[in-house]
Amino acid sequence: MPEPNSSPHTPTNTSPKVETLAGSVVSSVSSSSPTGIYDIVVVGAGPIGLATAIGLRKRGIENVLVVDQTRAFRQVGQVLDLLPNGLKAIKYLDSNAYEEVKKTGNKFLNPKQSNDEKTAQTTQGQKPPKTSPKWVYKNLQGQRIRSIPLSYDVWFKDYGEGRVSIAWYDLQTTLRHLLPQDRVKANHRCINVVDEPETGSVRIDCVSDIGVEANPYAYWADEQKNNDKQSQNSDNVPQQLETKSIRAKLIVAADGINSTIRRVLYTDSPYQAFARPEYSGFAAVSCREIAEIPNELRTELEEKFLQDSPIVTITNDQISRDPACTPNPRMMLFRRPTGQVGYIVHLALPLDLLQRKSGSSLIDLAVQELEKVGFPFVLTQLVRISPPANMQQRPYYIHHATISDSVQLPSTAQPNIEGHPVTIQPPWSAGRVVLVGDAAHGMPPFMAQGANQGLEDALAVTTLIANIAQKNHWDNTQAIAEAFKKYESLRRPLMAYVQQATLTRFPHSSDKQWQEYSQQVYCRNFDQVVEALL
């Protein structure tokens, strides 16, 4: 890639870099005509990409297309916490989207219980909470360190905006339904990006599987299992792939931490070493649910740790306070409305210890790591009785916003001046292409800021693009470069701070540090944020 904000590639006669899969049949449907150019193509139909498109349309830019590689939108993903800064960003993007997201989130936090669920709670001795639920932090002795309310109203009172918990798929669906159906295209896997200066646009080449028509607006309740069975029976059937070329004046890459567009832009550039995310040093081992827990063990869990809380984070607080120590394991214990218990254990460990482990081997790894730092028997025993089939693991990766001597550089990234400190800032834009969300600065979820910071990116980029459109600067490459440079200069310092908080978890060290962090992240005046962009 050339220097940041210059054209990412040369020439329109560059051939598409089509990745031909083994056993695939590829046909090319490439439009060479400059007509049919979108104002904006957003790559990635996750919440950040969809929010960007909604914000652009709200500002009068309707010639927008969102493409995504998924064959069809299915119920995937975990639960997200939309915190004050993320909700403020959504409200500034589109007040209607804000209301719809808040309504969906309130349903998630306060679901209507069936009679069976109420019976399950009564049978297991649970009492309905008398106050709004809280996320409680406890030490290994079950003593409360601090608690965080989950109520929208409490957060609104403290930070000027609320907090909403929402399933990733529900958030995606809520936002997707605010866009016209024909403006969100599934089954479009981006494989290349080519600058076309003579048409004043960028071309993206996508691959689609045309063997089976995908319906991006269908919820395939039982199709995932069916598709898995079909794939097992069709290993020898060649895929029918079609390449499509789409042109736009600007590309917003919201295609996630494993961003294809980032890889293409960084290829053959000084930033090639940062094209792919690096392992953060942290991973998660989880169990979706443990349906059967011996009564004695359940009683101790309830009385010592869970009590009336739907979710509890447990840590060795003595180790946590020592900055010289390696970050110690944290166990997030959660209880579903049905009474079933599950957990997520966050571990700091080498990636090779996690790779190729599943089922019982994950249980053994988690128990070993928890015992190292003195977790009590009741918690290690809970892990031991976990059904192996319910075990999952997830290594966490990161795109550092700012890379300095304190971050271990990839072997291919050498300092520019030998013997001097080096700071590298991988660019988030090149020519007519800009990276947002995890594609720019993906990170582990410990501070729940991945989606929230992505929504702030969406607001920033939307505001800047609307300004370009208002001044009709679509063909002014210098104005575009300056706009994206402003985006980076305003967003990068906060992202570096948030990533530091995520990796060190320093806001949890004391009430004072939590308050300072909250002021920096949650309490900013978004009128001033938007004004700084203009």
Protein backbone atom coordinates (compact mmCIF):
# COMPACT_ATOMS: atom_id res chain seq x y z
CA MET A 1 0.00 0.00 0.00
CA PRO A 2 1.23 3.51 -0.71
CA GLU A 3 1.47 6.04 2.06
CA PRO A 4 -1.76 6.55 4.02
CA ASN A 5 -4.53 8.35 2.14
CA SER A 6 -2.96 7.84 -1.29
CA SER A 7 -4.45 5.57 -3.92
CA PRO A 8 -4.41 1.97 -2.74
CA HIS A 9 -3.74 0.50 -6.17
CA THR A 10 -3.05 1.61 -9.70
CA PRO A 11 -4.92 1.04 -12.93
CA THR A 12 -8.27 -0.20 -13.94
CA ASN A 13 -6.79 -2.86 -16.15
CA THR A 14 -5.53 -4.70 -13.05
CA SER A 15 -6.95 -8.20 -13.16
CA PRO A 16 -9.10 -9.32 -10.25
CA LYS A 17 -7.21 -11.47 -7.77
CA VAL A 18 -9.80 -14.23 -7.82
CA GLU A 19 -9.16 -16.87 -5.16
CA THR A 20 -10.13 -20.06 -6.97
CA LEU A 21 -11.09 -22.70 -4.45
CA ALA A 22 -10.21 -26.32 -5.08
CA GLY A 23 -13.05 -27.94 -6.94
CA SER A 24 -14.81 -24.63 -7.63
CA VAL A 25 -16.21 -23.41 -10.90
CA VAL A 26 -15.65 -19.67 -11.31
CA SER A 27 -17.39 -17.46 -13.84
CA SER A 28 -16.70 -13.75 -14.21
CA VAL A 29 -19.43 -11.14 -14.36
CA SER A 30 -17.38 -7.95 -14.33
CA SER A 31 -18.88 -4.64 -15.31
CA SER A 32 -16.36 -2.42 -17.09
CA SER A 33 -18.82 0.43 -17.51
CA PRO A 34 -18.39 3.44 -15.21
CA THR A 35 -22.17 3.72 -14.93
CA GLY A 36 -23.91 2.28 -11.90
CA ILE A 37 -21.37 3.67 -9.43
CA TYR A 38 -22.61 3.78 -5.85
CA ASP A 39 -21.79 6.73 -3.66
CA ILE A 40 -20.77 4.37 -0.85
CA VAL A 41 -20.29 0.63 -0.59
CA VAL A 42 -20.06 -0.67 2.95
CA VAL A 43 -18.31 -4.03 3.18
CA GLY A 44 -19.63 -5.94 6.18
CA ALA A 45 -23.26 -6.21 7.31
CA GLY A 46 -22.55 -6.47 11.01
CA PRO A 47 -23.88 -3.80 13.38
CA ILE A 48 -21.11 -1.31 12.53
CA GLY A 49 -21.54 -1.54 8.77
CA LEU A 50 -25.33 -1.34 9.02
CA ALA A 51 -25.19 1.61 11.43
CA THR A 52 -22.90 3.41 8.98
CA ALA A 53 -25.35 2.87 6.12
CA ILE A 54 -28.27 4.03 8.28
CA GLY A 55 -26.39 7.17 9.26
CA LEU A 56 -25.50 7.95 5.64
CA ARG A 57 -29.09 7.55 4.48
CA LYS A 58 -30.26 9.75 7.35
CA ARG A 59 -27.96 12.46 5.96
CA GLY A 60 -29.43 12.19 2.47
CA ILE A 61 -26.88 9.82 0.93
CA GLU A 62 -29.19 7.08 -0.29
CA ASN A 63 -27.04 5.58 -3.05
CA VAL A 64 -25.48 3.17 -0.55
CA LEU A 65 -24.98 -0.59 -0.77
CA VAL A 66 -24.01 -2.98 2.05
CA VAL A 67 -22.43 -6.32 1.09
CA ASP A 68 -21.49 -9.25 3.30
CA GLN A 69 -19.86 -12.63 2.74
CA THR A 70 -22.41 -14.59 4.79
CA ARG A 71 -24.63 -16.86 2.71
CA ALA A 72 -27.66 -15.83 4.75
CA PHE A 73 -28.19 -13.98 8.00
CA ARG A 74 -28.48 -16.52 10.80
CA GLN A 75 -28.70 -16.41 14.56
CA VAL A 76 -25.03 -16.21 15.50
CA GLY A 77 -22.88 -14.19 17.88
CA GLN A 78 -22.79 -13.43 21.58
CA VAL A 79 -24.48 -10.83 23.76
CA LEU A 80 -23.21 -7.25 23.42
CA ASP A 81 -23.34 -4.47 25.98
CA LEU A 82 -24.10 -1.15 24.33
CA LEU A 83 -22.72 1.38 26.77
CA PRO A 84 -23.29 5.17 26.98
CA ASN A 85 -20.75 6.10 24.30
CA GLY A 86 -22.08 3.54 21.83
CA LEU A 87 -25.70 4.51 22.44
CA LYS A 88 -24.83 8.19 22.07
CA ALA A 89 -23.23 7.37 18.72
CA ILE A 90 -26.36 5.50 17.55
CA LYS A 91 -28.58 8.39 18.66
CA TYR A 92 -26.48 10.85 16.64
CA LEU A 93 -26.48 8.52 13.65
CA ASP A 94 -30.28 8.10 13.63
CA SER A 95 -32.67 8.70 16.53
CA ASN A 96 -35.11 6.13 15.16
CA ALA A 97 -32.39 3.45 15.12
CA TYR A 98 -31.57 4.40 18.71
CA GLU A 99 -35.18 3.89 19.83
CA GLU A 100 -35.47 0.56 18.01
CA VAL A 101 -32.21 -0.74 19.48
CA LYS A 102 -33.19 0.37 22.97
CA LYS A 103 -36.58 -1.34 22.64
CA THR A 104 -34.98 -4.59 21.47
CA GLY A 105 -32.41 -4.43 24.28
CA ASN A 106 -35.07 -3.89 26.94
CA LYS A 107 -36.83 -7.04 25.76
CA PHE A 108 -33.57 -8.95 26.15
CA LEU A 109 -32.94 -7.71 29.71
CA ASN A 110 -36.57 -8.19 30.76
CA PRO A 111 -37.84 -11.23 28.86
CA LYS A 112 -41.34 -12.50 29.42
CA GLN A 113 -40.95 -15.76 31.29
CA SER A 114 -42.89 -18.85 30.41
CA ASN A 115 -44.61 -20.86 33.12
CA ASP A 116 -41.91 -23.54 32.75
CA GLU A 117 -39.16 -20.98 33.42
CA LYS A 118 -40.97 -19.64 36.48
CA THR A 119 -41.41 -23.19 37.74
CA ALA A 120 -37.70 -23.90 37.18
CA GLN A 121 -36.74 -20.86 39.20
CA THR A 122 -39.03 -21.84 42.06
CA THR A 123 -37.80 -25.45 42.03
CA GLN A 124 -34.17 -24.31 42.27
CA GLY A 125 -34.88 -21.92 45.11
CA GLN A 126 -34.42 -18.71 43.11
CA LYS A 127 -36.33 -15.60 44.07
CA PRO A 128 -37.16 -12.88 41.58
CA PRO A 129 -34.88 -9.89 42.13
CA LYS A 130 -36.47 -7.03 44.06
CA THR A 131 -34.15 -4.44 42.55
CA SER A 132 -32.61 -3.92 39.12
CA PRO A 133 -30.01 -6.61 38.31
CA LYS A 134 -26.31 -5.96 38.82
CA TRP A 135 -23.08 -7.40 37.46
CA VAL A 136 -21.12 -8.18 40.60
CA TYR A 137 -17.33 -8.52 40.94
CA LYS A 138 -16.18 -10.80 43.77
CA ASN A 139 -12.93 -12.19 45.10
CA LEU A 140 -12.21 -15.86 45.69
CA GLN A 141 -13.78 -15.69 49.14
CA GLY A 142 -17.08 -14.48 47.68
CA GLN A 143 -16.62 -10.95 49.02
CA ARG A 144 -18.01 -8.19 46.83
CA ILE A 145 -15.37 -5.95 45.22
CA ARG A 146 -17.78 -3.78 43.28
CA SER A 147 -21.03 -4.04 41.35
CA ILE A 148 -22.19 -2.52 38.08
CA PRO A 149 -25.92 -1.92 37.58
CA LEU A 150 -27.40 -3.36 34.40
CA SER A 151 -30.35 -0.96 34.43
CA TYR A 152 -30.62 1.55 31.59
CA ASP A 153 -31.94 4.21 33.97
CA VAL A 154 -29.07 3.95 36.47
CA TRP A 155 -26.48 4.37 33.74
CA PHE A 156 -28.42 7.25 32.23
CA LYS A 157 -28.41 9.03 35.56
CA ASP A 158 -24.66 8.55 36.03
CA TYR A 159 -23.39 9.09 32.48
CA GLY A 160 -26.06 10.95 30.55
CA GLU A 161 -26.95 7.83 28.56
CA GLY A 162 -28.04 4.29 29.39
CA ARG A 163 -26.79 0.76 28.96
CA VAL A 164 -28.45 -1.91 26.82
CA SER A 165 -27.62 -5.62 26.64
CA ILE A 166 -28.58 -7.14 23.31
CA ALA A 167 -27.77 -10.29 21.36
CA TRP A 168 -25.48 -9.60 18.38
CA TYR A 169 -27.96 -11.15 15.96
CA ASP A 170 -30.86 -9.14 17.40
CA LEU A 171 -28.85 -5.94 17.01
CA GLN A 172 -27.92 -6.86 13.45
CA THR A 173 -31.53 -7.73 12.61
CA THR A 174 -32.91 -4.54 14.17
CA LEU A 175 -30.52 -2.38 12.15
CA ARG A 176 -30.90 -4.43 8.96
CA HIS A 177 -34.66 -3.96 8.99
CA LEU A 178 -34.17 -0.18 8.98
CA LEU A 179 -32.61 -0.40 5.51
CA PRO A 180 -34.34 -1.25 2.21
CA GLN A 181 -33.98 -4.94 1.43
CA ASP A 182 -32.27 -4.33 -1.89
CA ARG A 183 -29.52 -2.29 -0.18
CA VAL A 184 -28.17 -5.20 1.87
CA LYS A 185 -26.64 -8.04 -0.14
CA ALA A 186 -25.53 -11.32 1.39
CA ASN A 187 -23.35 -13.87 -0.42
CA HIS A 188 -20.78 -11.28 -1.56
CA ARG A 189 -17.28 -12.21 -0.37
CA CYS A 190 -14.85 -9.40 -1.16
CA ILE A 191 -11.56 -10.66 -2.61
CA ASN A 192 -9.93 -7.55 -4.09
CA VAL A 193 -9.92 -3.75 -4.09
CA VAL A 194 -8.75 -1.74 -7.10
CA ASP A 195 -8.51 2.03 -7.44
CA GLU A 196 -9.95 3.36 -10.71
CA PRO A 197 -8.96 7.04 -10.86
CA GLU A 198 -10.28 7.56 -14.39
CA THR A 199 -13.83 6.74 -13.19
CA GLY A 200 -13.42 8.52 -9.86
CA SER A 201 -14.23 5.30 -8.04
CA VAL A 202 -12.94 2.16 -6.36
CA ARG A 203 -13.79 -1.29 -7.63
CA ILE A 204 -14.30 -4.20 -5.28
CA ASP A 205 -14.39 -7.71 -6.67
CA CYS A 206 -16.67 -10.17 -4.89
CA VAL A 207 -17.29 -13.88 -5.15
CA SER A 208 -20.79 -15.30 -4.81
CA ASP A 209 -21.87 -18.92 -4.64
CA ILE A 210 -24.66 -19.21 -7.21
CA GLY A 211 -25.28 -22.91 -6.62
CA VAL A 212 -28.07 -22.10 -4.19
CA GLU A 213 -29.87 -18.79 -4.01
CA ALA A 214 -29.44 -17.10 -0.64
CA ASN A 215 -32.23 -15.08 0.95
CA PRO A 216 -30.61 -12.47 3.19
CA TYR A 217 -33.88 -11.66 4.97
CA ALA A 218 -34.89 -15.19 5.91
CA TYR A 219 -34.26 -16.49 9.40
CA TRP A 220 -33.28 -20.09 8.89
CA ALA A 221 -34.33 -21.47 12.25
CA ASP A 222 -33.29 -25.04 11.47
CA GLU A 223 -31.17 -24.54 8.39
CA GLN A 224 -27.78 -24.43 10.09
CA LYS A 225 -28.00 -28.10 11.03
CA ASN A 226 -29.42 -28.93 7.63
CA ASN A 227 -26.63 -27.07 5.88
CA ASP A 228 -24.04 -28.90 7.96
CA LYS A 229 -25.56 -32.21 6.86
CA GLN A 230 -25.73 -31.08 3.26
CA SER A 231 -22.10 -29.97 3.29
CA GLN A 232 -21.07 -33.40 4.56
CA ASN A 233 -22.91 -35.02 1.68
CA SER A 234 -21.64 -32.62 -0.98
CA ASP A 235 -17.91 -32.49 -0.42
CA ASN A 236 -17.30 -33.73 -3.96
CA VAL A 237 -19.80 -31.39 -5.61
CA PRO A 238 -18.02 -28.37 -7.14
CA GLN A 239 -19.18 -24.96 -5.99
CA GLN A 240 -20.48 -22.62 -8.67
CA LEU A 241 -18.78 -19.31 -7.98
CA GLU A 242 -19.49 -16.05 -9.73
CA THR A 243 -17.26 -12.99 -9.50
CA LYS A 244 -18.93 -9.61 -9.44
CA SER A 245 -17.40 -6.16 -9.62
CA ILE A 246 -19.00 -3.27 -7.77
CA ARG A 247 -17.86 0.34 -7.98
CA ALA A 248 -18.27 3.15 -5.50
CA LYS A 249 -16.94 6.62 -4.90
CA LEU A 250 -15.93 5.55 -1.38
CA ILE A 251 -15.57 2.19 0.38
CA VAL A 252 -16.20 1.77 4.11
CA ALA A 253 -14.58 -1.48 5.27
CA ALA A 254 -16.48 -2.84 8.25
CA ASP A 255 -15.53 -6.44 7.52
CA GLY A 256 -14.26 -7.40 10.95
CA ILE A 257 -10.97 -8.18 12.62
CA ASN A 258 -9.96 -10.57 9.84
CA SER A 259 -10.66 -7.87 7.26
CA THR A 260 -9.97 -8.81 3.65
CA ILE A 261 -9.85 -5.16 2.63
CA ARG A 262 -7.21 -4.40 5.27
CA ARG A 263 -5.09 -7.27 3.95
CA VAL A 264 -5.38 -6.05 0.35
CA LEU A 265 -4.55 -2.44 1.27
CA TYR A 266 -1.53 -3.40 3.37
CA THR A 267 -0.07 -5.81 0.80
CA ASP A 268 3.35 -4.70 -0.51
CA SER A 269 3.39 -1.74 1.87
CA PRO A 270 5.42 -0.74 4.95
CA TYR A 271 2.45 -2.01 7.00
CA GLN A 272 2.25 -5.51 5.55
CA ALA A 273 3.25 -7.01 8.91
CA PHE A 274 0.04 -5.57 10.37
CA ALA A 275 -2.33 -6.83 7.67
CA ARG A 276 -3.61 -9.62 9.89
CA PRO A 277 -4.51 -9.41 13.58
CA GLU A 278 -2.05 -10.71 16.13
CA TYR A 279 -2.82 -12.88 19.13
CA SER A 280 -3.48 -10.64 22.14
CA GLY A 281 -2.11 -13.09 24.71
CA PHE A 282 -5.61 -13.74 26.05
CA ALA A 283 -8.17 -16.42 25.36
CA ALA A 284 -11.51 -17.65 26.65
CA VAL A 285 -12.65 -21.12 27.64
CA SER A 286 -16.38 -21.39 28.15
CA CYS A 287 -19.22 -23.75 28.83
CA ARG A 288 -22.59 -22.75 27.42
CA GLU A 289 -24.55 -24.41 30.21
CA ILE A 290 -24.36 -27.07 32.89
CA ALA A 291 -27.85 -28.47 33.25
CA GLU A 292 -27.18 -30.87 36.12
CA ILE A 293 -25.30 -29.63 39.17
CA PRO A 294 -25.30 -31.59 42.45
CA ASN A 295 -27.49 -29.88 45.04
CA GLU A 296 -24.65 -29.29 47.51
CA LEU A 297 -22.47 -27.67 44.84
CA ARG A 298 -25.34 -25.54 43.54
CA THR A 299 -26.21 -24.36 47.04
CA GLU A 300 -22.63 -23.21 47.67
CA LEU A 301 -22.48 -21.45 44.30
CA GLU A 302 -25.75 -19.65 45.02
CA GLU A 303 -24.93 -18.63 48.58
CA LYS A 304 -21.31 -17.64 48.07
CA PHE A 305 -21.15 -16.25 44.55
CA LEU A 306 -24.33 -15.91 42.50
CA GLN A 307 -26.90 -14.90 45.11
CA ASP A 308 -29.35 -12.57 43.30
CA SER A 309 -27.02 -11.62 40.44
CA PRO A 310 -27.48 -12.91 36.88
CA ILE A 311 -23.73 -12.56 36.27
CA VAL A 312 -20.69 -12.51 38.55
CA THR A 313 -17.02 -12.00 37.70
CA ILE A 314 -14.67 -13.78 40.12
CA THR A 315 -10.96 -13.04 40.41
CA ASN A 316 -8.05 -13.29 42.82
CA ASP A 317 -8.06 -9.63 43.82
CA GLN A 318 -4.70 -9.86 45.58
CA ILE A 319 -2.97 -10.80 42.33
CA SER A 320 -5.08 -8.30 40.37
CA ARG A 321 -3.69 -5.43 42.42
CA ASP A 322 -0.07 -6.36 41.68
CA PRO A 323 0.96 -4.73 38.36
CA ALA A 324 4.08 -6.92 38.20
CA CYS A 325 2.04 -10.11 37.93
CA THR A 326 0.77 -11.69 34.75
CA PRO A 327 -2.97 -10.96 34.41
CA ASN A 328 -4.71 -13.68 36.35
CA PRO A 329 -7.70 -15.72 35.24
CA ARG A 330 -11.15 -14.26 35.64
CA MET A 331 -14.28 -16.37 35.72
CA MET A 332 -17.58 -14.96 34.54
CA LEU A 333 -20.34 -17.04 36.09
CA PHE A 334 -23.81 -16.53 34.65
CA ARG A 335 -27.22 -17.95 35.37
CA ARG A 336 -29.95 -18.15 32.76
CA PRO A 337 -33.63 -17.42 33.59
CA THR A 338 -34.21 -21.17 33.48
CA GLY A 339 -31.68 -21.65 36.29
CA GLN A 340 -29.01 -23.25 34.13
CA VAL A 341 -25.49 -22.09 34.91
CA GLY A 342 -22.66 -21.40 32.47
CA TYR A 343 -19.30 -19.67 32.61
CA ILE A 344 -16.51 -18.01 30.65
CA VAL A 345 -12.92 -18.17 31.91
CA HIS A 346 -10.54 -15.53 30.57
CA LEU A 347 -6.95 -16.73 30.56
CA ALA A 348 -3.57 -15.20 29.75
CA LEU A 349 -1.65 -18.01 28.07
CA PRO A 350 0.40 -18.85 24.95
CA LEU A 351 -1.68 -19.62 21.89
CA ASP A 352 -0.08 -23.04 21.39
CA LEU A 353 -1.51 -24.19 24.74
CA LEU A 354 -5.01 -23.59 23.40
CA GLN A 355 -4.74 -24.80 19.84
CA ARG A 356 -6.34 -28.11 18.91
CA LYS A 357 -7.98 -28.42 22.33
CA SER A 358 -11.66 -29.21 22.74
CA GLY A 359 -14.01 -30.98 25.13
CA SER A 360 -12.24 -32.66 28.03
CA SER A 361 -8.85 -31.16 27.18
CA LEU A 362 -10.34 -27.67 27.55
CA ILE A 363 -11.80 -28.63 30.91
CA ASP A 364 -8.38 -29.85 32.08
CA LEU A 365 -6.69 -26.64 30.87
CA ALA A 366 -9.20 -24.38 32.61
CA VAL A 367 -9.01 -26.32 35.89
CA GLN A 368 -5.21 -26.24 35.81
CA GLU A 369 -5.09 -22.47 35.24
CA LEU A 370 -7.70 -21.74 37.93
CA GLU A 371 -5.95 -23.93 40.50
CA LYS A 372 -2.66 -22.10 39.87
CA VAL A 373 -4.10 -18.92 41.36
CA GLY A 374 -6.07 -20.51 44.16
CA PHE A 375 -9.64 -20.67 42.86
CA PRO A 376 -11.80 -22.53 45.42
CA PHE A 377 -12.95 -26.10 44.97
CA VAL A 378 -16.58 -25.11 44.32
CA LEU A 379 -15.53 -23.28 41.12
CA THR A 380 -12.94 -25.78 39.86
CA GLN A 381 -15.41 -28.59 40.50
CA LEU A 382 -18.04 -26.74 38.48
CA VAL A 383 -15.59 -26.73 35.57
CA ARG A 384 -14.78 -30.41 36.08
CA ILE A 385 -18.43 -31.46 35.73
CA SER A 386 -18.94 -29.40 32.55
CA PRO A 387 -20.34 -31.45 29.65
CA PRO A 388 -17.44 -31.76 27.16
CA ALA A 389 -19.86 -31.23 24.27
CA ASN A 390 -20.72 -27.78 25.64
CA MET A 391 -17.11 -26.57 25.85
CA GLN A 392 -15.84 -23.83 23.57
CA GLN A 393 -12.61 -21.89 23.21
CA ARG A 394 -11.79 -18.57 21.64
CA PRO A 395 -8.40 -16.90 21.27
CA TYR A 396 -8.64 -13.12 21.29
CA TYR A 397 -6.84 -11.11 18.61
CA ILE A 398 -5.99 -7.44 18.26
CA HIS A 399 -5.12 -4.74 15.75
CA HIS A 400 -3.12 -2.28 17.84
CA ALA A 401 -4.13 1.32 17.26
CA THR A 402 -0.64 2.47 18.12
CA ILE A 403 2.39 0.19 18.23
CA SER A 404 5.39 1.19 20.32
CA ASP A 405 8.37 -0.47 21.96
CA SER A 406 6.05 -1.78 24.68
CA VAL A 407 4.29 -3.91 22.07
CA GLN A 408 6.21 -6.84 20.63
CA LEU A 409 6.58 -6.11 16.92
CA PRO A 410 6.18 -8.82 14.30
CA SER A 411 9.54 -10.03 13.00
CA THR A 412 8.84 -8.43 9.62
CA ALA A 413 8.26 -4.98 11.14
CA GLN A 414 11.65 -3.42 11.82
CA PRO A 415 12.15 -0.01 13.47
CA ASN A 416 13.00 2.75 11.03
CA ILE A 417 15.86 4.15 13.09
CA GLU A 418 18.07 1.59 14.77
CA GLY A 419 18.47 2.14 18.49
CA HIS A 420 15.70 4.74 18.75
CA PRO A 421 12.17 4.27 20.10
CA VAL A 422 9.69 3.59 17.33
CA THR A 423 5.97 4.24 17.20
CA ILE A 424 3.96 2.78 14.35
CA GLN A 425 0.40 3.78 13.54
CA PRO A 426 -1.03 1.42 10.92
CA PRO A 427 -3.22 3.59 8.68
CA TRP A 428 -6.97 3.25 8.71
CA SER A 429 -7.48 4.73 5.27
CA ALA A 430 -5.96 4.72 1.80
CA GLY A 431 -7.33 6.81 -1.04
CA ARG A 432 -11.08 6.23 -1.26
CA VAL A 433 -11.10 3.38 1.26
CA VAL A 434 -11.51 3.70 5.03
CA LEU A 435 -11.42 1.02 7.75
CA VAL A 436 -13.83 1.12 10.69
CA GLY A 437 -14.54 -0.99 13.76
CA ASP A 438 -12.65 -4.23 14.23
CA ALA A 439 -11.09 -3.93 10.77
CA ALA A 440 -9.20 -0.91 12.12
CA HIS A 441 -8.70 -1.67 15.82
CA GLY A 442 -10.25 -4.99 16.86
CA MET A 443 -9.46 -6.10 20.41
CA PRO A 444 -10.55 -8.48 23.19
CA PRO A 445 -13.98 -7.81 24.74
CA PHE A 446 -12.93 -7.27 28.36
CA MET A 447 -14.11 -3.66 28.59
CA ALA A 448 -17.10 -4.25 26.25
CA GLN A 449 -15.87 -1.53 23.90
CA GLY A 450 -15.47 -3.35 20.57
CA ALA A 451 -18.96 -2.59 19.22
CA ASN A 452 -19.21 0.72 21.08
CA GLN A 453 -15.99 2.06 19.60
CA GLY A 454 -17.07 0.77 16.20
CA LEU A 455 -20.27 2.77 16.50
CA GLU A 456 -18.19 5.84 17.30
CA ASP A 457 -16.21 5.14 14.11
CA ALA A 458 -19.48 4.91 12.20
CA LEU A 459 -20.54 8.32 13.50
CA ALA A 460 -17.18 9.89 12.68
CA VAL A 461 -16.97 8.48 9.16
CA THR A 462 -20.63 9.23 8.43
CA THR A 463 -20.21 12.84 9.53
CA LEU A 464 -17.11 13.31 7.37
CA ILE A 465 -18.62 11.63 4.29
CA ALA A 466 -21.79 13.73 4.62
CA ASN A 467 -19.57 16.80 4.62
CA ILE A 468 -17.81 15.56 1.45
CA ALA A 469 -21.21 15.02 -0.19
CA GLN A 470 -22.55 18.40 0.90
CA LYS A 471 -19.56 20.17 -0.67
CA ASN A 472 -19.65 17.84 -3.70
CA HIS A 473 -16.05 16.84 -3.11
CA TRP A 474 -16.50 13.31 -4.45
CA ASP A 475 -13.79 13.95 -7.06
CA ASN A 476 -11.53 15.94 -4.73
CA THR A 477 -9.04 13.31 -3.61
CA GLN A 478 -7.23 15.80 -1.40
CA ALA A 479 -10.44 16.64 0.47
CA ILE A 480 -11.16 12.93 0.91
CA ALA A 481 -7.63 12.31 2.19
CA GLU A 482 -7.90 15.20 4.65
CA ALA A 483 -11.28 13.95 5.90
CA PHE A 484 -9.99 10.46 6.60
CA LYS A 485 -6.82 11.88 8.16
CA LYS A 486 -9.04 13.85 10.55
CA TYR A 487 -10.97 10.66 11.36
CA GLU A 488 -7.75 8.90 12.32
CA SER A 489 -6.27 11.79 14.28
CA LEU A 490 -9.42 12.20 16.37
CA ARG A 491 -10.19 8.53 16.95
CA ARG A 492 -6.73 6.97 17.38
CA PRO A 493 -5.76 8.52 20.78
CA LEU A 494 -8.99 7.33 22.41
CA MET A 495 -8.62 3.88 20.83
CA ALA A 496 -5.08 3.56 22.18
CA TYR A 497 -6.40 4.44 25.66
CA VAL A 498 -9.29 1.96 25.41
CA GLN A 499 -7.00 -0.81 24.19
CA GLN A 500 -4.63 -0.17 27.09
CA ALA A 501 -7.58 -0.40 29.50
CA THR A 502 -8.71 -3.60 27.79
CA LEU A 503 -5.36 -5.38 27.97
CA THR A 504 -4.41 -4.24 31.50
CA ARG A 505 -7.93 -3.89 32.91
CA PHE A 506 -6.63 -1.05 35.05
CA PRO A 507 -10.09 0.58 35.46
CA HIS A 508 -11.05 -2.35 37.69
CA SER A 509 -8.09 -1.74 40.03
CA SER A 510 -9.80 0.95 42.11
CA ASP A 511 -12.91 3.11 42.26
CA LYS A 512 -10.80 6.15 41.35
CA GLN A 513 -9.45 4.56 38.18
CA TRP A 514 -12.95 3.37 37.24
CA GLN A 515 -14.27 6.92 37.60
CA GLU A 516 -11.43 8.33 35.50
CA TYR A 517 -12.02 5.72 32.81
CA SER A 518 -15.77 6.37 32.84
CA GLN A 519 -15.21 10.10 32.39
CA GLN A 520 -12.85 9.51 29.46
CA VAL A 521 -15.06 6.97 27.67
CA TYR A 522 -18.71 7.38 28.71
CA CYS A 523 -19.11 11.04 29.59
CA ARG A 524 -17.75 12.84 26.54
CA ASN A 525 -19.92 15.54 24.99
CA PHE A 526 -20.86 14.21 21.56
CA ASP A 527 -21.86 17.66 20.32
CA GLN A 528 -18.19 18.53 20.72
CA VAL A 529 -17.14 15.24 19.13
CA VAL A 530 -19.19 15.98 16.01
CA GLU A 531 -18.11 19.62 15.94
CA ALA A 532 -14.44 18.57 15.95
CA LEU A 533 -15.08 16.53 12.80
CA LEU A 534 -16.44 19.45 10.81
